[in-house]
């Protein structure tokens, strides 16, 4: 088996999200479309996205809101390097609100 491609990585993430009844939050980019396709209607109302607005940097603050609003559920934030850089200061808010348990690049 060769190196893991981006689509396969998103497919794996979507499977983990579906299996754990988590909330998925996606930033803008191709990964947003792939995640929506992979999740389908498996978890109605559990995929937060800015839609077609192109709001780069949306995912991390939206994920923070989801984690605070639904503390009993895991929240997966899927963002690229640009979206993460535009909102990484929100990690401090997540820390002080005790909303984030794991952050992985």
PDB file of N, CA and C in Angstrom:
ATOM      1  N   UNK A   1       0.847  -1.176   0.000  1.00  0.00           N
ATOM      2  CA  UNK A   1       0.000   0.000   0.000  1.00  0.00           C
ATOM      3  C   UNK A   1       0.892   1.239   0.000  1.00  0.00           C
ATOM      4  N   UNK A   2       0.558   2.209  -0.795  1.00  0.00           N
ATOM      5  CA  UNK A   2       1.339   3.441  -0.904  1.00  0.00           C
ATOM      6  C   UNK A   2       0.997   4.433   0.190  1.00  0.00           C
ATOM      7  N   UNK A   3       1.504   5.637   0.035  1.00  0.00           N
ATOM      8  CA  UNK A   3       1.217   6.676   1.033  1.00  0.00           C
ATOM      9  C   UNK A   3      -0.277   7.012   1.076  1.00  0.00           C
ATOM     10  N   UNK A   4      -0.712   7.428   2.226  1.00  0.00           N
ATOM     11  CA  UNK A   4      -2.113   7.802   2.422  1.00  0.00           C
ATOM     12  C   UNK A   4      -2.392   9.123   1.721  1.00  0.00           C
ATOM     13  N   UNK A   5      -3.359   9.140   0.838  1.00  0.00           N
ATOM     14  CA  UNK A   5      -3.731  10.362   0.139  1.00  0.00           C
ATOM     15  C   UNK A   5      -4.721  11.184   0.953  1.00  0.00           C
ATOM     16  N   UNK A   6      -4.933  12.409   0.520  1.00  0.00           N
ATOM     17  CA  UNK A   6      -5.824  13.325   1.244  1.00  0.00           C
ATOM     18  C   UNK A   6      -7.252  12.780   1.318  1.00  0.00           C
ATOM     19  N   UNK A   7      -7.759  12.262   0.217  1.00  0.00           N
ATOM     20  CA  UNK A   7      -9.132  11.746   0.202  1.00  0.00           C
ATOM     21  C   UNK A   7      -9.284  10.566   1.159  1.00  0.00           C
ATOM     22  N   UNK A   8      -8.280   9.686   1.157  1.00  0.00           N
ATOM     23  CA  UNK A   8      -8.335   8.535   2.054  1.00  0.00           C
ATOM     24  C   UNK A   8      -8.271   8.973   3.519  1.00  0.00           C
ATOM     25  N   UNK A   9      -7.493  10.005   3.796  1.00  0.00           N
ATOM     26  CA  UNK A   9      -7.413  10.532   5.166  1.00  0.00           C
ATOM     27  C   UNK A   9      -8.769  11.069   5.612  1.00  0.00           C
ATOM     28  N   UNK A  10      -9.432  11.820   4.742  1.00  0.00           N
ATOM     29  CA  UNK A  10     -10.764  12.359   5.058  1.00  0.00           C
ATOM     30  C   UNK A  10     -11.764  11.223   5.240  1.00  0.00           C
ATOM     31  N   UNK A  11     -11.660  10.199   4.405  1.00  0.00           N
ATOM     32  CA  UNK A  11     -12.562   9.042   4.534  1.00  0.00           C
ATOM     33  C   UNK A  11     -12.385   8.384   5.900  1.00  0.00           C
ATOM     34  N   UNK A  12     -11.152   8.242   6.334  1.00  0.00           N
ATOM     35  CA  UNK A  12     -10.868   7.650   7.644  1.00  0.00           C
ATOM     36  C   UNK A  12     -11.404   8.521   8.781  1.00  0.00           C
ATOM     37  N   UNK A  13     -11.211   9.826   8.673  1.00  0.00           N
ATOM     38  CA  UNK A  13     -11.727  10.763   9.681  1.00  0.00           C
ATOM     39  C   UNK A  13     -13.253  10.690   9.730  1.00  0.00           C
ATOM     40  N   UNK A  14     -13.895  10.671   8.568  1.00  0.00           N
ATOM     41  CA  UNK A  14     -15.361  10.604   8.512  1.00  0.00           C
ATOM     42  C   UNK A  14     -15.875   9.327   9.167  1.00  0.00           C
ATOM     43  N   UNK A  15     -15.169   8.228   8.963  1.00  0.00           N
ATOM     44  CA  UNK A  15     -15.574   6.966   9.585  1.00  0.00           C
ATOM     45  C   UNK A  15     -15.501   7.072  11.110  1.00  0.00           C
ATOM     46  N   UNK A  16     -14.415   7.650  11.622  1.00  0.00           N
ATOM     47  CA  UNK A  16     -14.260   7.821  13.074  1.00  0.00           C
ATOM     48  C   UNK A  16     -15.347   8.736  13.638  1.00  0.00           C
ATOM     49  N   UNK A  17     -15.659   9.810  12.912  1.00  0.00           N
ATOM     50  CA  UNK A  17     -16.698  10.742  13.348  1.00  0.00           C
ATOM     51  C   UNK A  17     -18.047  10.025  13.427  1.00  0.00           C
ATOM     52  N   UNK A  18     -18.385   9.281  12.377  1.00  0.00           N
ATOM     53  CA  UNK A  18     -19.671   8.576  12.334  1.00  0.00           C
ATOM     54  C   UNK A  18     -19.782   7.534  13.435  1.00  0.00           C
ATOM     55  N   UNK A  19     -18.699   6.797  13.669  1.00  0.00           N
ATOM     56  CA  UNK A  19     -18.718   5.733  14.677  1.00  0.00           C
ATOM     57  C   UNK A  19     -18.878   6.267  16.095  1.00  0.00           C
ATOM     58  N   UNK A  20     -18.435   7.499  16.324  1.00  0.00           N
ATOM     59  CA  UNK A  20     -18.450   8.028  17.690  1.00  0.00           C
ATOM     60  C   UNK A  20     -19.569   9.038  17.940  1.00  0.00           C
ATOM     61  N   UNK A  21     -20.476   9.215  16.962  1.00  0.00           N
ATOM     62  CA  UNK A  21     -21.566  10.187  17.091  1.00  0.00           C
ATOM     63  C   UNK A  21     -21.031  11.575  17.435  1.00  0.00           C
ATOM     64  N   UNK A  22     -19.933  11.934  16.802  1.00  0.00           N
ATOM     65  CA  UNK A  22     -19.290  13.220  17.061  1.00  0.00           C
ATOM     66  C   UNK A  22     -19.887  14.312  16.185  1.00  0.00           C
ATOM     67  N   UNK A  23     -19.486  15.526  16.458  1.00  0.00           N
ATOM     68  CA  UNK A  23     -19.838  16.676  15.630  1.00  0.00           C
ATOM     69  C   UNK A  23     -18.643  16.972  14.744  1.00  0.00           C
ATOM     70  N   UNK A  24     -18.878  17.143  13.461  1.00  0.00           N
ATOM     71  CA  UNK A  24     -17.820  17.474  12.511  1.00  0.00           C
ATOM     72  C   UNK A  24     -17.942  18.942  12.133  1.00  0.00           C
ATOM     73  N   UNK A  25     -16.824  19.645  12.147  1.00  0.00           N
ATOM     74  CA  UNK A  25     -16.796  21.048  11.740  1.00  0.00           C
ATOM     75  C   UNK A  25     -15.719  21.180  10.677  1.00  0.00           C
ATOM     76  N   UNK A  26     -16.082  21.674   9.505  1.00  0.00           N
ATOM     77  CA  UNK A  26     -15.092  21.778   8.435  1.00  0.00           C
ATOM     78  C   UNK A  26     -14.912  23.211   7.978  1.00  0.00           C
ATOM     79  N   UNK A  27     -13.660  23.522   7.690  1.00  0.00           N
ATOM     80  CA  UNK A  27     -13.288  24.819   7.144  1.00  0.00           C
ATOM     81  C   UNK A  27     -13.501  24.769   5.633  1.00  0.00           C
ATOM     82  N   UNK A  28     -13.066  25.777   4.926  1.00  0.00           N
ATOM     83  CA  UNK A  28     -13.241  25.811   3.474  1.00  0.00           C
ATOM     84  C   UNK A  28     -12.099  25.075   2.783  1.00  0.00           C
ATOM     85  N   UNK A  29     -12.390  24.582   1.605  1.00  0.00           N
ATOM     86  CA  UNK A  29     -11.391  23.875   0.817  1.00  0.00           C
ATOM     87  C   UNK A  29     -11.952  22.558   0.319  1.00  0.00           C
ATOM     88  N   UNK A  30     -11.143  21.839  -0.417  1.00  0.00           N
ATOM     89  CA  UNK A  30     -11.580  20.559  -0.973  1.00  0.00           C
ATOM     90  C   UNK A  30     -11.968  19.574   0.126  1.00  0.00           C
ATOM     91  N   UNK A  31     -11.282  19.650   1.259  1.00  0.00           N
ATOM     92  CA  UNK A  31     -11.614  18.739   2.361  1.00  0.00           C
ATOM     93  C   UNK A  31     -13.043  18.952   2.857  1.00  0.00           C
ATOM     94  N   UNK A  32     -13.569  20.161   2.710  1.00  0.00           N
ATOM     95  CA  UNK A  32     -14.954  20.442   3.109  1.00  0.00           C
ATOM     96  C   UNK A  32     -15.921  19.616   2.259  1.00  0.00           C
ATOM     97  N   UNK A  33     -15.672  19.584   0.954  1.00  0.00           N
ATOM     98  CA  UNK A  33     -16.538  18.822   0.050  1.00  0.00           C
ATOM     99  C   UNK A  33     -16.393  17.323   0.292  1.00  0.00           C
ATOM    100  N   UNK A  34     -15.158  16.876   0.438  1.00  0.00           N
ATOM    101  CA  UNK A  34     -14.934  15.450   0.673  1.00  0.00           C
ATOM    102  C   UNK A  34     -15.579  14.993   1.972  1.00  0.00           C
ATOM    103  N   UNK A  35     -15.448  15.778   3.029  1.00  0.00           N
ATOM    104  CA  UNK A  35     -16.041  15.393   4.312  1.00  0.00           C
ATOM    105  C   UNK A  35     -17.563  15.324   4.203  1.00  0.00           C
ATOM    106  N   UNK A  36     -18.159  16.291   3.526  1.00  0.00           N
ATOM    107  CA  UNK A  36     -19.615  16.278   3.330  1.00  0.00           C
ATOM    108  C   UNK A  36     -20.039  15.039   2.547  1.00  0.00           C
ATOM    109  N   UNK A  37     -19.274  14.678   1.518  1.00  0.00           N
ATOM    110  CA  UNK A  37     -19.599  13.491   0.727  1.00  0.00           C
ATOM    111  C   UNK A  37     -19.450  12.216   1.550  1.00  0.00           C
ATOM    112  N   UNK A  38     -18.396  12.144   2.343  1.00  0.00           N
ATOM    113  CA  UNK A  38     -18.148  10.934   3.132  1.00  0.00           C
ATOM    114  C   UNK A  38     -19.133  10.778   4.284  1.00  0.00           C
ATOM    115  N   UNK A  39     -19.503  11.881   4.916  1.00  0.00           N
ATOM    116  CA  UNK A  39     -20.465  11.803   6.024  1.00  0.00           C
ATOM    117  C   UNK A  39     -21.875  11.563   5.514  1.00  0.00           C
ATOM    118  N   UNK A  40     -22.197  12.145   4.364  1.00  0.00           N
ATOM    119  CA  UNK A  40     -23.539  12.008   3.824  1.00  0.00           C
ATOM    120  C   UNK A  40     -24.576  12.441   4.839  1.00  0.00           C
ATOM    121  N   UNK A  41     -25.587  11.615   5.029  1.00  0.00           N
ATOM    122  CA  UNK A  41     -26.622  11.935   6.017  1.00  0.00           C
ATOM    123  C   UNK A  41     -26.516  11.017   7.236  1.00  0.00           C
ATOM    124  N   UNK A  42     -25.299  10.533   7.498  1.00  0.00           N
ATOM    125  CA  UNK A  42     -25.089   9.608   8.619  1.00  0.00           C
ATOM    126  C   UNK A  42     -25.419  10.238   9.964  1.00  0.00           C
ATOM    127  N   UNK A  43     -25.101  11.510  10.135  1.00  0.00           N
ATOM    128  CA  UNK A  43     -25.343  12.207  11.398  1.00  0.00           C
ATOM    129  C   UNK A  43     -26.081  13.515  11.118  1.00  0.00           C
ATOM    130  N   UNK A  44     -27.382  13.474  10.927  1.00  0.00           N
ATOM    131  CA  UNK A  44     -28.120  14.706  10.614  1.00  0.00           C
ATOM    132  C   UNK A  44     -27.882  15.799  11.654  1.00  0.00           C
ATOM    133  N   UNK A  45     -27.621  16.999  11.179  1.00  0.00           N
ATOM    134  CA  UNK A  45     -27.409  18.139  12.063  1.00  0.00           C
ATOM    135  C   UNK A  45     -26.083  18.138  12.793  1.00  0.00           C
ATOM    136  N   UNK A  46     -25.162  17.268  12.387  1.00  0.00           N
ATOM    137  CA  UNK A  46     -23.891  17.147  13.102  1.00  0.00           C
ATOM    138  C   UNK A  46     -22.680  17.574  12.286  1.00  0.00           C
ATOM    139  N   UNK A  47     -22.894  18.097  11.086  1.00  0.00           N
ATOM    140  CA  UNK A  47     -21.773  18.589  10.276  1.00  0.00           C
ATOM    141  C   UNK A  47     -21.937  20.096  10.120  1.00  0.00           C
ATOM    142  N   UNK A  48     -21.091  20.837  10.804  1.00  0.00           N
ATOM    143  CA  UNK A  48     -21.145  22.297  10.745  1.00  0.00           C
ATOM    144  C   UNK A  48     -20.178  22.793   9.686  1.00  0.00           C
ATOM    145  N   UNK A  49     -20.667  23.633   8.808  1.00  0.00           N
ATOM    146  CA  UNK A  49     -19.854  24.176   7.733  1.00  0.00           C
ATOM    147  C   UNK A  49     -20.378  25.549   7.361  1.00  0.00           C
ATOM    148  N   UNK A  50     -19.510  26.380   6.841  1.00  0.00           N
ATOM    149  CA  UNK A  50     -19.948  27.713   6.421  1.00  0.00           C
ATOM    150  C   UNK A  50     -20.644  27.664   5.067  1.00  0.00           C
ATOM    151  N   UNK A  51     -20.780  26.480   4.513  1.00  0.00           N
ATOM    152  CA  UNK A  51     -21.422  26.337   3.212  1.00  0.00           C
ATOM    153  C   UNK A  51     -20.546  26.894   2.110  1.00  0.00           C
ATOM    154  N   UNK A  52     -21.134  27.564   1.168  1.00  0.00           N
ATOM    155  CA  UNK A  52     -20.387  28.113   0.046  1.00  0.00           C
ATOM    156  C   UNK A  52     -19.876  29.516   0.271  1.00  0.00           C
ATOM    157  N   UNK A  53     -19.858  29.983   1.495  1.00  0.00           N
ATOM    158  CA  UNK A  53     -19.466  31.366   1.761  1.00  0.00           C
ATOM    159  C   UNK A  53     -17.962  31.589   1.703  1.00  0.00           C
ATOM    160  N   UNK A  54     -17.170  30.527   1.718  1.00  0.00           N
ATOM    161  CA  UNK A  54     -15.721  30.674   1.647  1.00  0.00           C
ATOM    162  C   UNK A  54     -15.122  31.351   2.860  1.00  0.00           C
ATOM    163  N   UNK A  55     -15.692  31.111   4.021  1.00  0.00           N
ATOM    164  CA  UNK A  55     -15.247  31.775   5.247  1.00  0.00           C
ATOM    165  C   UNK A  55     -14.060  31.032   5.859  1.00  0.00           C
ATOM    166  N   UNK A  56     -12.866  31.277   5.316  1.00  0.00           N
ATOM    167  CA  UNK A  56     -11.670  30.625   5.837  1.00  0.00           C
ATOM    168  C   UNK A  56     -11.439  31.050   7.282  1.00  0.00           C
ATOM    169  N   UNK A  57     -11.156  30.082   8.128  1.00  0.00           N
ATOM    170  CA  UNK A  57     -10.973  30.352   9.549  1.00  0.00           C
ATOM    171  C   UNK A  57     -12.225  30.071  10.363  1.00  0.00           C
ATOM    172  N   UNK A  58     -13.272  29.599   9.723  1.00  0.00           N
ATOM    173  CA  UNK A  58     -14.557  29.332  10.376  1.00  0.00           C
ATOM    174  C   UNK A  58     -14.494  28.154  11.350  1.00  0.00           C
ATOM    175  N   UNK A  59     -13.767  27.111  10.998  1.00  0.00           N
ATOM    176  CA  UNK A  59     -13.908  25.825  11.678  1.00  0.00           C
ATOM    177  C   UNK A  59     -13.494  25.829  13.147  1.00  0.00           C
ATOM    178  N   UNK A  60     -12.369  26.417  13.474  1.00  0.00           N
ATOM    179  CA  UNK A  60     -11.906  26.350  14.863  1.00  0.00           C
ATOM    180  C   UNK A  60     -12.839  27.086  15.828  1.00  0.00           C
ATOM    181  N   UNK A  61     -13.240  28.336  15.552  1.00  0.00           N
ATOM    182  CA  UNK A  61     -14.195  28.986  16.458  1.00  0.00           C
ATOM    183  C   UNK A  61     -15.560  28.285  16.485  1.00  0.00           C
ATOM    184  N   UNK A  62     -16.001  27.776  15.338  1.00  0.00           N
ATOM    185  CA  UNK A  62     -17.274  27.049  15.312  1.00  0.00           C
ATOM    186  C   UNK A  62     -17.168  25.760  16.117  1.00  0.00           C
ATOM    187  N   UNK A  63     -16.024  25.099  16.026  1.00  0.00           N
ATOM    188  CA  UNK A  63     -15.797  23.895  16.818  1.00  0.00           C
ATOM    189  C   UNK A  63     -15.790  24.187  18.304  1.00  0.00           C
ATOM    190  N   UNK A  64     -15.231  25.314  18.666  1.00  0.00           N
ATOM    191  CA  UNK A  64     -15.231  25.736  20.069  1.00  0.00           C
ATOM    192  C   UNK A  64     -16.665  25.937  20.554  1.00  0.00           C
ATOM    193  N   UNK A  65     -17.473  26.606  19.752  1.00  0.00           N
ATOM    194  CA  UNK A  65     -18.882  26.806  20.103  1.00  0.00           C
ATOM    195  C   UNK A  65     -19.630  25.491  20.228  1.00  0.00           C
ATOM    196  N   UNK A  66     -19.349  24.561  19.310  1.00  0.00           N
ATOM    197  CA  UNK A  66     -19.996  23.250  19.370  1.00  0.00           C
ATOM    198  C   UNK A  66     -19.579  22.491  20.625  1.00  0.00           C
ATOM    199  N   UNK A  67     -18.299  22.574  20.982  1.00  0.00           N
ATOM    200  CA  UNK A  67     -17.802  21.876  22.176  1.00  0.00           C
ATOM    201  C   UNK A  67     -18.410  22.444  23.451  1.00  0.00           C
ATOM    202  N   UNK A  68     -18.588  23.751  23.493  1.00  0.00           N
ATOM    203  CA  UNK A  68     -19.207  24.374  24.668  1.00  0.00           C
ATOM    204  C   UNK A  68     -20.704  24.067  24.709  1.00  0.00           C
ATOM    205  N   UNK A  69     -21.347  24.102  23.537  1.00  0.00           N
ATOM    206  CA  UNK A  69     -22.789  23.863  23.469  1.00  0.00           C
ATOM    207  C   UNK A  69     -23.194  22.413  23.657  1.00  0.00           C
ATOM    208  N   UNK A  70     -22.312  21.485  23.287  1.00  0.00           N
ATOM    209  CA  UNK A  70     -22.603  20.049  23.412  1.00  0.00           C
ATOM    210  C   UNK A  70     -21.431  19.363  24.115  1.00  0.00           C
ATOM    211  N   UNK A  71     -21.215  19.638  25.387  1.00  0.00           N
ATOM    212  CA  UNK A  71     -20.027  19.118  26.076  1.00  0.00           C
ATOM    213  C   UNK A  71     -19.975  17.594  26.186  1.00  0.00           C
ATOM    214  N   UNK A  72     -21.092  16.928  25.957  1.00  0.00           N
ATOM    215  CA  UNK A  72     -21.131  15.474  26.050  1.00  0.00           C
ATOM    216  C   UNK A  72     -20.707  14.783  24.756  1.00  0.00           C
ATOM    217  N   UNK A  73     -20.452  15.550  23.687  1.00  0.00           N
ATOM    218  CA  UNK A  73     -20.071  14.971  22.400  1.00  0.00           C
ATOM    219  C   UNK A  73     -18.669  15.414  22.004  1.00  0.00           C
ATOM    220  N   UNK A  74     -17.988  14.538  21.290  1.00  0.00           N
ATOM    221  CA  UNK A  74     -16.689  14.902  20.730  1.00  0.00           C
ATOM    222  C   UNK A  74     -16.904  15.825  19.543  1.00  0.00           C
ATOM    223  N   UNK A  75     -15.964  16.712  19.323  1.00  0.00           N
ATOM    224  CA  UNK A  75     -16.013  17.623  18.178  1.00  0.00           C
ATOM    225  C   UNK A  75     -14.719  17.464  17.397  1.00  0.00           C
ATOM    226  N   UNK A  76     -14.845  17.199  16.113  1.00  0.00           N
ATOM    227  CA  UNK A  76     -13.697  17.085  15.219  1.00  0.00           C
ATOM    228  C   UNK A  76     -13.670  18.311  14.322  1.00  0.00           C
ATOM    229  N   UNK A  77     -12.588  19.053  14.360  1.00  0.00           N
ATOM    230  CA  UNK A  77     -12.404  20.215  13.492  1.00  0.00           C
ATOM    231  C   UNK A  77     -11.461  19.808  12.369  1.00  0.00           C
ATOM    232  N   UNK A  78     -11.907  19.977  11.129  1.00  0.00           N
ATOM    233  CA  UNK A  78     -11.093  19.648   9.963  1.00  0.00           C
ATOM    234  C   UNK A  78     -10.804  20.948   9.227  1.00  0.00           C
ATOM    235  N   UNK A  79      -9.537  21.347   9.241  1.00  0.00           N
ATOM    236  CA  UNK A  79      -9.145  22.615   8.624  1.00  0.00           C
ATOM    237  C   UNK A  79      -7.774  22.466   7.983  1.00  0.00           C
ATOM    238  N   UNK A  80      -7.529  23.273   6.997  1.00  0.00           N
ATOM    239  CA  UNK A  80      -6.214  23.310   6.374  1.00  0.00           C
ATOM    240  C   UNK A  80      -5.303  24.283   7.103  1.00  0.00           C
ATOM    241  N   UNK A  81      -4.102  24.424   6.590  1.00  0.00           N
ATOM    242  CA  UNK A  81      -3.129  25.287   7.262  1.00  0.00           C
ATOM    243  C   UNK A  81      -3.557  26.746   7.264  1.00  0.00           C
ATOM    244  N   UNK A  82      -4.166  27.221   6.185  1.00  0.00           N
ATOM    245  CA  UNK A  82      -4.599  28.624   6.121  1.00  0.00           C
ATOM    246  C   UNK A  82      -5.718  28.930   7.095  1.00  0.00           C
ATOM    247  N   UNK A  83      -6.736  28.079   7.109  1.00  0.00           N
ATOM    248  CA  UNK A  83      -7.854  28.278   8.028  1.00  0.00           C
ATOM    249  C   UNK A  83      -7.421  28.195   9.476  1.00  0.00           C
ATOM    250  N   UNK A  84      -6.497  27.268   9.756  1.00  0.00           N
ATOM    251  CA  UNK A  84      -6.001  27.135  11.121  1.00  0.00           C
ATOM    252  C   UNK A  84      -5.224  28.382  11.534  1.00  0.00           C
ATOM    253  N   UNK A  85      -4.385  28.893  10.630  1.00  0.00           N
ATOM    254  CA  UNK A  85      -3.591  30.081  10.948  1.00  0.00           C
ATOM    255  C   UNK A  85      -4.461  31.312  11.185  1.00  0.00           C
ATOM    256  N   UNK A  86      -5.599  31.372  10.512  1.00  0.00           N
ATOM    257  CA  UNK A  86      -6.463  32.542  10.658  1.00  0.00           C
ATOM    258  C   UNK A  86      -7.216  32.565  11.984  1.00  0.00           C
ATOM    259  N   UNK A  87      -7.251  31.448  12.688  1.00  0.00           N
ATOM    260  CA  UNK A  87      -8.036  31.418  13.928  1.00  0.00           C
ATOM    261  C   UNK A  87      -7.335  30.691  15.068  1.00  0.00           C
ATOM    262  N   UNK A  88      -6.041  30.456  14.955  1.00  0.00           N
ATOM    263  CA  UNK A  88      -5.358  29.672  15.983  1.00  0.00           C
ATOM    264  C   UNK A  88      -5.382  30.323  17.352  1.00  0.00           C
ATOM    265  N   UNK A  89      -5.597  31.631  17.412  1.00  0.00           N
ATOM    266  CA  UNK A  89      -5.690  32.304  18.716  1.00  0.00           C
ATOM    267  C   UNK A  89      -6.872  31.789  19.531  1.00  0.00           C
ATOM    268  N   UNK A  90      -7.840  31.168  18.880  1.00  0.00           N
ATOM    269  CA  UNK A  90      -8.993  30.615  19.598  1.00  0.00           C
ATOM    270  C   UNK A  90      -8.617  29.403  20.442  1.00  0.00           C
ATOM    271  N   UNK A  91      -7.429  28.847  20.208  1.00  0.00           N
ATOM    272  CA  UNK A  91      -6.985  27.746  21.067  1.00  0.00           C
ATOM    273  C   UNK A  91      -6.881  28.194  22.518  1.00  0.00           C
ATOM    274  N   UNK A  92      -6.492  29.445  22.723  1.00  0.00           N
ATOM    275  CA  UNK A  92      -6.422  29.976  24.094  1.00  0.00           C
ATOM    276  C   UNK A  92      -7.809  30.004  24.727  1.00  0.00           C
ATOM    277  N   UNK A  93      -8.810  30.432  23.961  1.00  0.00           N
ATOM    278  CA  UNK A  93     -10.183  30.440  24.473  1.00  0.00           C
ATOM    279  C   UNK A  93     -10.623  29.023  24.817  1.00  0.00           C
ATOM    280  N   UNK A  94     -10.331  28.086  23.922  1.00  0.00           N
ATOM    281  CA  UNK A  94     -10.681  26.693  24.181  1.00  0.00           C
ATOM    282  C   UNK A  94     -10.010  26.146  25.423  1.00  0.00           C
ATOM    283  N   UNK A  95      -8.768  26.550  25.642  1.00  0.00           N
ATOM    284  CA  UNK A  95      -8.046  26.114  26.837  1.00  0.00           C
ATOM    285  C   UNK A  95      -8.714  26.655  28.100  1.00  0.00           C
ATOM    286  N   UNK A  96      -9.002  27.946  28.109  1.00  0.00           N
ATOM    287  CA  UNK A  96      -9.593  28.552  29.302  1.00  0.00           C
ATOM    288  C   UNK A  96     -11.021  28.072  29.559  1.00  0.00           C
ATOM    289  N   UNK A  97     -11.734  27.715  28.499  1.00  0.00           N
ATOM    290  CA  UNK A  97     -13.098  27.189  28.646  1.00  0.00           C
ATOM    291  C   UNK A  97     -13.103  25.671  28.849  1.00  0.00           C
ATOM    292  N   UNK A  98     -11.909  25.068  28.821  1.00  0.00           N
ATOM    293  CA  UNK A  98     -11.762  23.617  28.954  1.00  0.00           C
ATOM    294  C   UNK A  98     -12.597  22.873  27.907  1.00  0.00           C
ATOM    295  N   UNK A  99     -12.577  23.400  26.695  1.00  0.00           N
ATOM    296  CA  UNK A  99     -13.399  22.834  25.632  1.00  0.00           C
ATOM    297  C   UNK A  99     -12.621  21.901  24.707  1.00  0.00           C
ATOM    298  N   UNK A 100     -11.309  22.049  24.622  1.00  0.00           N
ATOM    299  CA  UNK A 100     -10.529  21.204  23.716  1.00  0.00           C
ATOM    300  C   UNK A 100      -9.739  20.181  24.519  1.00  0.00           C
ATOM    301  N   UNK A 101      -9.789  18.952  24.070  1.00  0.00           N
ATOM    302  CA  UNK A 101      -9.052  17.892  24.750  1.00  0.00           C
ATOM    303  C   UNK A 101      -7.840  17.445  23.955  1.00  0.00           C
ATOM    304  N   UNK A 102      -7.887  17.591  22.651  1.00  0.00           N
ATOM    305  CA  UNK A 102      -6.789  17.135  21.806  1.00  0.00           C
ATOM    306  C   UNK A 102      -6.748  17.995  20.554  1.00  0.00           C
ATOM    307  N   UNK A 103      -5.584  18.445  20.213  1.00  0.00           N
ATOM    308  CA  UNK A 103      -5.389  19.185  18.967  1.00  0.00           C
ATOM    309  C   UNK A 103      -4.271  18.487  18.227  1.00  0.00           C
ATOM    310  N   UNK A 104      -4.521  18.122  16.982  1.00  0.00           N
ATOM    311  CA  UNK A 104      -3.523  17.417  16.192  1.00  0.00           C
ATOM    312  C   UNK A 104      -3.357  18.118  14.858  1.00  0.00           C
ATOM    313  N   UNK A 105      -2.128  18.307  14.406  1.00  0.00           N
ATOM    314  CA  UNK A 105      -1.913  18.958  13.106  1.00  0.00           C
ATOM    315  C   UNK A 105      -2.349  18.069  11.968  1.00  0.00           C
TER     316      UNK A 105
END
